[in-house]
Amino acid sequence: MTTVALLGTLDTKGDEFRWLSDRLRDDGVDVVLIDVGSFSTSPLADVTSDQVIAAAGADASQLRRRRDRGEMMAVMGHGAAAIVGDLADSGRIHGFMSIGGSGGSSVAAPAMQAVPVGFPKLLVSTMASGDVKPYVGESDVAIMYSVVDVAGINSISTMVLGNAAAAITGMARSYEARLAADEADHKPLVGVTMFGLTTPAADEARRTLSELGYEVLVFHATGAGGLAMEKLVDSDLLAGVCDLTTTELADDLVGGVLTAGPHRMEAAGARGVPQVVSVGALDMVNFGPRETVPEKFDSRNLYVHNPTVTLMRTTPEEMAELGHRIARKLRAARGPAQLFIPLRGVSGIDIDGQPFRDGQADEALFAALREGLAESPVVITEIDLAVNDPGFGRAMAEALDTEISHRQITGN
């Protein structure tokens, strides 16, 4: 039977969750209630707040004695994520919904982000008309503004919550049907990372992978794009990754505006997903309009890419550190990994005659990669081309296809 998990603070929102549960059951949907109220053991709850806290490895009674609301909310969020993730993975639920204010939404957010992309998730929140990134993250969370506070059932809340109940019911039923459908004819999904200044290489890789029978998802390496690809890897939706453009690592190192954080380029390795990696656009750090570049960088090699984007050339020292970081990430990979090095330039403006051409800086990167991967199983392929020259993107795509095919045959 189609089942929806409802998560919330039943100590303060019990009436609202009772109304919502009845509405869902009237629509023919089974309900699992998860109580994350700080001081509640509501009879409505399928999982009590004590159990949620225990799932996070915390002592509920100690937290309650201290009455540290912030810490309790963090513990509840951690426990909620573990429980909802287990329910989704085991197939016990087909959709997930939560309603609440700032506290309830902050607890629901980790759970929303813990379930895979494609799994139905809906948050009705008083916070939905502002900055929703903390609640959505890189996942496909549907978020609805509650209009009025989640404080009782009234003529407005019944309309909003009624629409929300109908939405999660429809999504959950569709998801359950999709699970039952035959997916034998679906093409395997692979990810390719791209930047404006690596577009020719990414396009060549995309075309090649499409010709080889894959469905290709291209991610713009602007911070959010890299994180989105990593989320799909974590959701077991990608058969492989052609990480041609790793420029977000440069922004993380130097302080640019397009960072994907310090854990970028780690998901595929942690999950054992085949990955073929290159150093596309590591010659640049991204800032906004020229006047927004920090004053400390005024003496650096700056290039106004367009009125809203200013690029800064990475130094030999920064390139060497990037090489060390990439090598560490690749050495830690639990699955097949290959590295491709374009010896004649890592971006469209790092070639002869262009403003970011700096052979010394590039060689510092390459040397650090060679040194860091010398004793590892990672295969390094050095090609006497610039990243965007014809043949480079194709070579990466063909290598990824080989790794994926080998894994399908051997299971490793």
Protein backbone atom coordinates (compact mmCIF):
# COMPACT_ATOMS: atom_id res chain seq x y z
CA MET A 1 0.00 0.00 0.00
CA THR A 2 1.21 3.51 -0.78
CA THR A 3 2.69 4.88 2.45
CA VAL A 4 3.74 8.40 3.40
CA ALA A 5 5.93 9.31 6.36
CA LEU A 6 4.93 12.42 8.29
CA LEU A 7 7.61 13.97 10.46
CA GLY A 8 7.12 16.76 12.94
CA THR A 9 7.09 18.04 16.49
CA LEU A 10 4.00 16.33 17.84
CA ASP A 11 4.41 17.97 21.24
CA THR A 12 3.47 21.33 19.67
CA LYS A 13 1.77 20.36 16.38
CA GLY A 14 -0.25 17.29 17.41
CA ASP A 15 -3.63 18.65 16.22
CA GLU A 16 -2.23 19.60 12.83
CA PHE A 17 -0.59 16.21 12.31
CA ARG A 18 -3.75 14.39 13.41
CA TRP A 19 -5.76 16.36 10.84
CA LEU A 20 -3.16 15.73 8.12
CA SER A 21 -2.96 12.01 8.94
CA ASP A 22 -6.73 11.67 8.70
CA ARG A 23 -6.73 13.49 5.36
CA LEU A 24 -4.09 11.19 3.90
CA ARG A 25 -5.85 8.06 5.15
CA ASP A 26 -9.13 9.33 3.68
CA ASP A 27 -7.28 9.51 0.35
CA GLY A 28 -6.32 5.83 0.71
CA VAL A 29 -2.71 6.37 1.80
CA ASP A 30 -1.16 4.68 4.81
CA VAL A 31 0.76 6.90 7.23
CA VAL A 32 3.89 6.47 9.33
CA LEU A 33 4.20 9.23 11.94
CA ILE A 34 7.64 10.18 13.24
CA ASP A 35 7.68 12.37 16.33
CA VAL A 36 10.65 14.69 16.73
CA GLY A 37 9.15 16.79 19.47
CA SER A 38 11.72 17.68 22.10
CA PHE A 39 9.57 16.81 25.09
CA SER A 40 6.89 14.59 23.60
CA THR A 41 6.07 10.91 23.53
CA SER A 42 2.81 11.39 21.65
CA PRO A 43 0.53 8.37 21.12
CA LEU A 44 0.40 9.49 17.48
CA ALA A 45 4.05 8.68 16.96
CA ASP A 46 5.27 5.63 15.09
CA VAL A 47 8.73 6.47 16.40
CA THR A 48 9.04 8.37 19.68
CA SER A 49 11.38 11.28 20.24
CA ASP A 50 13.47 9.11 22.60
CA GLN A 51 14.06 6.66 19.76
CA VAL A 52 14.98 9.40 17.33
CA ILE A 53 17.55 10.76 19.73
CA ALA A 54 18.90 7.28 20.41
CA ALA A 55 19.32 6.77 16.68
CA ALA A 56 21.78 9.67 16.76
CA GLY A 57 23.71 8.13 19.63
CA ALA A 58 22.70 10.79 22.16
CA ASP A 59 21.35 10.59 25.73
CA ALA A 60 17.80 11.97 25.66
CA SER A 61 17.47 12.46 29.40
CA GLN A 62 20.73 14.42 29.61
CA LEU A 63 19.68 16.72 26.76
CA ARG A 64 16.31 17.28 28.37
CA ARG A 65 17.85 18.15 31.73
CA ARG A 66 20.09 20.70 30.03
CA ARG A 67 17.17 22.03 27.97
CA ASP A 68 19.58 23.05 25.20
CA ARG A 69 17.07 23.59 22.40
CA GLY A 70 19.68 24.10 19.67
CA GLU A 71 21.49 20.89 20.54
CA MET A 72 18.24 18.97 20.82
CA MET A 73 17.16 20.16 17.37
CA ALA A 74 20.48 19.08 15.86
CA VAL A 75 20.23 15.64 17.48
CA MET A 76 16.64 15.24 16.33
CA GLY A 77 17.62 16.17 12.78
CA HIS A 78 20.41 13.60 12.75
CA GLY A 79 18.16 10.87 14.11
CA ALA A 80 15.30 11.80 11.78
CA ALA A 81 17.62 11.55 8.77
CA ALA A 82 18.71 8.06 9.81
CA ILE A 83 15.16 6.82 10.37
CA VAL A 84 13.65 8.31 7.21
CA GLY A 85 16.60 7.07 5.16
CA ASP A 86 16.10 3.54 6.47
CA LEU A 87 12.35 3.65 5.78
CA ALA A 88 12.93 4.83 2.22
CA ASP A 89 15.74 2.37 1.50
CA SER A 90 13.68 -0.56 2.78
CA GLY A 91 10.69 0.40 0.64
CA ARG A 92 8.39 0.91 3.62
CA ILE A 93 7.49 4.44 2.53
CA HIS A 94 6.92 6.02 -0.88
CA GLY A 95 6.81 9.67 0.12
CA PHE A 96 7.88 11.96 2.94
CA MET A 97 6.26 15.14 4.24
CA SER A 98 6.82 17.53 7.10
CA ILE A 99 5.16 20.71 8.33
CA GLY A 100 6.52 23.21 10.81
CA GLY A 101 8.02 26.52 11.73
CA SER A 102 11.71 27.32 11.91
CA GLY A 103 12.46 24.62 14.49
CA GLY A 104 10.48 21.86 12.85
CA SER A 105 11.83 22.78 9.41
CA SER A 106 15.41 22.68 10.68
CA VAL A 107 14.83 19.14 11.98
CA ALA A 108 13.10 18.04 8.79
CA ALA A 109 15.80 19.44 6.50
CA PRO A 110 18.49 16.79 7.16
CA ALA A 111 15.90 14.06 6.65
CA MET A 112 14.69 15.67 3.42
CA GLN A 113 18.25 15.77 2.14
CA ALA A 114 19.03 12.22 3.31
CA VAL A 115 16.65 10.45 0.94
CA PRO A 116 17.66 9.97 -2.70
CA VAL A 117 16.91 12.35 -5.54
CA GLY A 118 13.63 11.22 -7.09
CA PHE A 119 12.07 10.14 -3.81
CA PRO A 120 9.02 12.38 -3.13
CA LYS A 121 9.60 14.90 -0.36
CA LEU A 122 7.50 17.92 0.58
CA LEU A 123 8.08 20.51 3.28
CA VAL A 124 5.31 22.94 4.30
CA SER A 125 7.00 25.68 6.27
CA THR A 126 6.61 29.19 7.60
CA MET A 127 10.18 29.74 6.33
CA ALA A 128 9.44 28.93 2.70
CA SER A 129 9.09 32.54 1.53
CA GLY A 130 12.70 33.38 2.39
CA ASP A 131 16.08 31.77 1.77
CA VAL A 132 15.27 28.08 1.43
CA LYS A 133 18.77 26.76 0.65
CA PRO A 134 19.30 25.42 4.22
CA TYR A 135 16.16 23.29 3.81
CA VAL A 136 16.59 22.23 0.18
CA GLY A 137 20.36 21.83 -0.12
CA GLU A 138 21.18 19.99 -3.35
CA SER A 139 18.13 17.75 -3.24
CA ASP A 140 14.77 17.91 -5.05
CA VAL A 141 12.76 19.01 -2.04
CA ALA A 142 9.36 20.47 -2.89
CA ILE A 143 8.69 23.34 -0.51
CA MET A 144 5.39 25.11 0.15
CA TYR A 145 4.76 28.29 2.12
CA SER A 146 2.26 27.74 4.92
CA VAL A 147 0.87 31.31 4.58
CA VAL A 148 -0.29 31.27 8.22
CA ASP A 149 1.68 29.85 11.11
CA VAL A 150 1.37 26.14 11.73
CA ALA A 151 -0.71 26.77 14.83
CA GLY A 152 -4.10 25.13 14.69
CA ILE A 153 -6.51 24.11 11.97
CA ASN A 154 -8.38 26.99 10.35
CA SER A 155 -9.90 27.92 7.01
CA ILE A 156 -6.52 28.89 5.53
CA SER A 157 -4.43 26.04 6.93
CA THR A 158 -6.99 23.47 5.75
CA MET A 159 -6.63 24.76 2.19
CA VAL A 160 -2.82 24.81 2.29
CA LEU A 161 -2.42 21.49 4.10
CA GLY A 162 -5.14 19.93 1.96
CA ASN A 163 -3.22 20.86 -1.18
CA ALA A 164 -0.03 19.54 0.39
CA ALA A 165 -1.69 16.24 1.27
CA ALA A 166 -2.98 15.88 -2.29
CA ALA A 167 0.48 16.68 -3.67
CA ILE A 168 2.38 14.15 -1.58
CA THR A 169 -0.30 11.53 -2.23
CA GLY A 170 0.05 11.95 -5.99
CA MET A 171 3.84 11.95 -5.86
CA ALA A 172 3.98 8.89 -3.62
CA ARG A 173 1.62 6.89 -5.82
CA SER A 174 3.59 7.85 -8.91
CA TYR A 175 6.84 6.86 -7.21
CA GLU A 176 5.43 3.49 -6.12
CA ALA A 177 4.25 2.80 -9.68
CA ARG A 178 7.65 3.81 -11.05
CA LEU A 179 9.36 1.34 -8.74
CA ALA A 180 7.16 -1.43 -10.03
CA ALA A 181 7.76 -0.54 -13.70
CA ASP A 182 10.26 -2.44 -15.80
CA GLU A 183 13.42 -0.31 -16.03
CA ALA A 184 15.34 -2.73 -18.24
CA ASP A 185 15.26 -0.37 -21.22
CA HIS A 186 16.54 2.66 -19.35
CA LYS A 187 19.94 3.91 -20.45
CA PRO A 188 22.58 4.17 -17.72
CA LEU A 189 23.09 7.72 -16.47
CA VAL A 190 26.51 9.38 -16.41
CA GLY A 191 27.55 12.87 -15.32
CA VAL A 192 29.85 15.30 -17.13
CA THR A 193 31.10 18.54 -15.57
CA MET A 194 31.39 21.62 -17.78
CA PHE A 195 32.39 25.27 -17.61
CA GLY A 196 32.18 27.97 -20.26
CA LEU A 197 35.90 27.63 -20.89
CA THR A 198 35.79 23.82 -21.13
CA THR A 199 32.64 23.61 -23.26
CA PRO A 200 34.23 22.07 -26.39
CA ALA A 201 35.75 19.23 -24.38
CA ALA A 202 32.56 18.61 -22.40
CA ASP A 203 30.46 18.66 -25.57
CA GLU A 204 32.78 16.11 -27.19
CA ALA A 205 32.60 13.88 -24.12
CA ARG A 206 28.81 14.20 -24.03
CA ARG A 207 28.41 13.31 -27.70
CA THR A 208 30.76 10.34 -27.38
CA LEU A 209 29.00 8.97 -24.31
CA SER A 210 25.62 9.39 -26.00
CA GLU A 211 26.92 7.43 -29.00
CA LEU A 212 28.07 4.72 -26.59
CA GLY A 213 24.54 4.30 -25.24
CA TYR A 214 24.47 6.48 -22.12
CA GLU A 215 22.08 9.18 -21.01
CA VAL A 216 24.35 12.11 -20.21
CA LEU A 217 23.68 14.73 -17.56
CA VAL A 218 25.85 17.86 -17.87
CA PHE A 219 26.56 19.83 -14.69
CA HIS A 220 27.70 23.45 -14.80
CA ALA A 221 30.62 23.62 -12.37
CA THR A 222 29.40 26.69 -10.52
CA GLY A 223 29.39 25.25 -7.00
CA ALA A 224 25.75 24.21 -7.04
CA GLY A 225 26.35 22.16 -10.17
CA GLY A 226 29.15 20.12 -8.66
CA LEU A 227 27.15 19.55 -5.50
CA ALA A 228 24.13 18.44 -7.53
CA MET A 229 26.23 15.82 -9.32
CA GLU A 230 27.63 14.58 -6.02
CA LYS A 231 24.08 14.28 -4.66
CA LEU A 232 23.06 12.12 -7.63
CA VAL A 233 26.09 9.91 -7.02
CA ASP A 234 25.07 9.56 -3.37
CA SER A 235 21.56 8.67 -4.55
CA ASP A 236 22.96 5.75 -6.62
CA LEU A 237 21.61 7.30 -9.82
CA LEU A 238 24.87 7.63 -11.79
CA ALA A 239 26.73 4.72 -13.36
CA GLY A 240 29.85 6.83 -13.77
CA VAL A 241 31.31 10.32 -13.68
CA CYS A 242 33.31 12.17 -16.34
CA ASP A 243 34.61 14.90 -14.03
CA LEU A 244 36.31 16.92 -16.73
CA THR A 245 35.92 20.32 -15.04
CA THR A 246 37.15 20.44 -11.44
CA THR A 247 37.43 24.24 -11.24
CA GLU A 248 35.26 24.42 -8.09
CA LEU A 249 38.24 23.10 -6.13
CA ALA A 250 40.20 26.23 -7.02
CA ASP A 251 37.44 28.46 -5.66
CA ASP A 252 37.37 26.42 -2.46
CA LEU A 253 41.14 26.77 -2.05
CA VAL A 254 41.50 30.47 -2.80
CA GLY A 255 38.14 31.90 -1.79
CA GLY A 256 36.21 32.30 -5.04
CA VAL A 257 32.45 32.57 -5.31
CA LEU A 258 31.81 29.23 -7.05
CA THR A 259 33.08 26.81 -4.44
CA ALA A 260 31.36 23.47 -3.92
CA GLY A 261 33.03 23.05 -0.54
CA PRO A 262 35.96 20.93 0.61
CA HIS A 263 34.30 17.57 -0.13
CA ARG A 264 33.81 18.14 -3.84
CA MET A 265 35.09 15.19 -5.91
CA GLU A 266 34.66 12.70 -3.08
CA ALA A 267 31.22 11.11 -3.61
CA ALA A 268 32.16 8.86 -6.53
CA GLY A 269 35.22 7.58 -4.73
CA ALA A 270 33.31 6.90 -1.52
CA ARG A 271 30.56 5.02 -3.38
CA GLY A 272 32.92 3.10 -5.64
CA VAL A 273 31.41 4.68 -8.77
CA PRO A 274 33.75 4.69 -11.80
CA GLN A 275 35.23 8.12 -12.36
CA VAL A 276 37.44 9.67 -15.00
CA VAL A 277 38.82 13.00 -13.82
CA SER A 278 40.66 15.92 -15.38
CA VAL A 279 41.85 19.37 -14.39
CA GLY A 280 39.55 21.54 -16.48
CA ALA A 281 39.59 25.25 -15.58
CA LEU A 282 41.83 24.84 -12.53
CA ASP A 283 43.71 27.84 -13.92
CA MET A 284 41.03 30.18 -12.60
CA VAL A 285 39.26 31.40 -9.48
CA ASN A 286 35.85 33.01 -9.98
CA PHE A 287 34.60 36.34 -8.66
CA GLY A 288 31.71 38.62 -9.54
CA PRO A 289 32.06 42.02 -11.26
CA ARG A 290 35.58 43.47 -11.22
CA GLU A 291 34.81 45.80 -8.32
CA THR A 292 33.88 42.84 -6.12
CA VAL A 293 37.32 41.20 -6.33
CA PRO A 294 38.99 41.48 -2.90
CA GLU A 295 41.60 44.24 -2.79
CA LYS A 296 44.32 41.80 -1.76
CA PHE A 297 44.13 40.29 -5.28
CA ASP A 298 44.55 43.58 -7.18
CA SER A 299 48.10 42.66 -8.27
CA ARG A 300 47.06 39.25 -9.61
CA ASN A 301 46.37 38.30 -13.23
CA LEU A 302 42.68 39.21 -13.55
CA TYR A 303 40.50 38.69 -16.61
CA VAL A 304 37.02 40.19 -17.03
CA HIS A 305 35.17 37.28 -18.62
CA ASN A 306 31.93 39.28 -18.83
CA PRO A 307 30.38 42.15 -16.82
CA THR A 308 29.31 39.80 -14.01
CA VAL A 309 32.29 37.39 -13.92
CA THR A 310 35.94 38.18 -13.22
CA LEU A 311 38.51 35.38 -13.35
CA MET A 312 41.83 35.27 -11.49
CA ARG A 313 44.74 33.11 -12.62
CA THR A 314 45.90 30.55 -10.07
CA THR A 315 49.58 30.69 -9.08
CA PRO A 316 52.10 27.85 -9.26
CA GLU A 317 51.81 27.40 -5.49
CA GLU A 318 48.01 27.20 -5.66
CA MET A 319 48.15 24.80 -8.60
CA ALA A 320 50.55 22.54 -6.71
CA GLU A 321 48.20 22.45 -3.72
CA LEU A 322 45.28 21.64 -6.01
CA GLY A 323 47.30 18.76 -7.42
CA HIS A 324 47.96 17.41 -3.93
CA ARG A 325 44.25 17.68 -3.02
CA ILE A 326 43.06 15.91 -6.15
CA ALA A 327 45.64 13.15 -5.66
CA ARG A 328 44.44 12.58 -2.08
CA LYS A 329 40.83 12.33 -3.20
CA LEU A 330 41.66 9.90 -6.01
CA ARG A 331 43.88 7.75 -3.77
CA ALA A 332 40.95 7.36 -1.39
CA ALA A 333 38.58 6.12 -4.11
CA ARG A 334 37.02 2.72 -3.48
CA GLY A 335 36.24 2.23 -7.16
CA PRO A 336 38.02 2.63 -10.50
CA ALA A 337 39.54 6.04 -11.13
CA GLN A 338 41.56 7.51 -13.97
CA LEU A 339 43.19 10.92 -14.38
CA PHE A 340 43.61 12.71 -17.71
CA ILE A 341 46.15 15.53 -18.03
CA PRO A 342 45.98 18.00 -20.97
CA LEU A 343 49.62 19.06 -21.30
CA ARG A 344 48.96 22.09 -23.53
CA GLY A 345 46.44 23.90 -21.35
CA VAL A 346 43.60 23.32 -18.90
CA SER A 347 41.07 25.85 -20.21
CA GLY A 348 40.16 27.92 -23.25
CA ILE A 349 42.29 30.83 -22.02
CA ASP A 350 45.22 28.70 -20.83
CA ILE A 351 46.61 28.13 -24.32
CA ASP A 352 49.29 29.89 -26.34
CA GLY A 353 48.36 33.52 -26.96
CA GLN A 354 45.65 33.62 -24.30
CA PRO A 355 45.77 35.63 -21.04
CA PHE A 356 46.00 32.72 -18.59
CA ARG A 357 48.69 30.71 -20.37
CA ASP A 358 51.22 29.84 -17.65
CA GLY A 359 53.24 26.71 -18.34
CA GLN A 360 55.05 26.97 -15.01
CA ALA A 361 51.80 26.98 -13.03
CA ASP A 362 50.39 24.10 -15.05
CA GLU A 363 53.52 22.05 -14.58
CA ALA A 364 53.34 22.62 -10.81
CA LEU A 365 49.86 21.06 -10.93
CA PHE A 366 50.94 18.16 -13.11
CA ALA A 367 54.02 17.42 -10.99
CA ALA A 368 51.97 17.34 -7.79
CA LEU A 369 49.51 14.93 -9.39
CA ARG A 370 52.27 12.63 -10.63
CA GLU A 371 53.93 12.62 -7.23
CA GLY A 372 50.69 12.13 -5.29
CA LEU A 373 49.50 9.23 -7.44
CA ALA A 374 52.86 7.51 -8.01
CA GLU A 375 52.13 4.59 -5.67
CA SER A 376 48.39 4.34 -6.36
CA PRO A 377 46.32 2.22 -8.75
CA VAL A 378 44.96 5.38 -10.41
CA VAL A 379 45.82 5.37 -14.11
CA ILE A 380 47.30 8.67 -15.35
CA THR A 381 46.98 9.47 -19.05
CA GLU A 382 48.95 12.49 -20.26
CA ILE A 383 47.86 13.80 -23.66
CA ASP A 384 49.80 16.34 -25.71
CA LEU A 385 46.69 18.45 -26.28
CA ALA A 386 44.91 21.34 -24.65
CA VAL A 387 41.72 20.37 -22.82
CA ASN A 388 39.47 21.73 -25.58
CA ASP A 389 41.42 20.27 -28.51
CA PRO A 390 39.53 17.63 -30.52
CA GLY A 391 40.14 14.18 -29.09
CA PHE A 392 40.60 15.02 -25.42
CA GLY A 393 36.95 14.84 -24.38
CA ARG A 394 36.46 11.72 -26.50
CA ALA A 395 39.42 9.99 -24.83
CA MET A 396 37.95 10.65 -21.38
CA ALA A 397 34.50 9.42 -22.46
CA GLU A 398 35.89 6.21 -23.94
CA ALA A 399 37.92 5.55 -20.79
CA LEU A 400 34.80 5.98 -18.64
CA ASP A 401 32.87 3.58 -20.86
CA THR A 402 35.65 1.01 -20.45
CA GLU A 403 35.57 1.31 -16.66
CA ILE A 404 31.77 1.05 -16.48
CA SER A 405 31.70 -1.93 -18.83
CA HIS A 406 34.42 -3.70 -16.85
CA ARG A 407 32.52 -3.14 -13.64
CA GLN A 408 29.32 -4.54 -15.14
CA ILE A 409 31.15 -7.66 -16.28
CA THR A 410 33.23 -8.29 -13.16
CA GLY A 411 31.06 -6.66 -10.50
CA ASN A 412 34.11 -4.73 -9.25
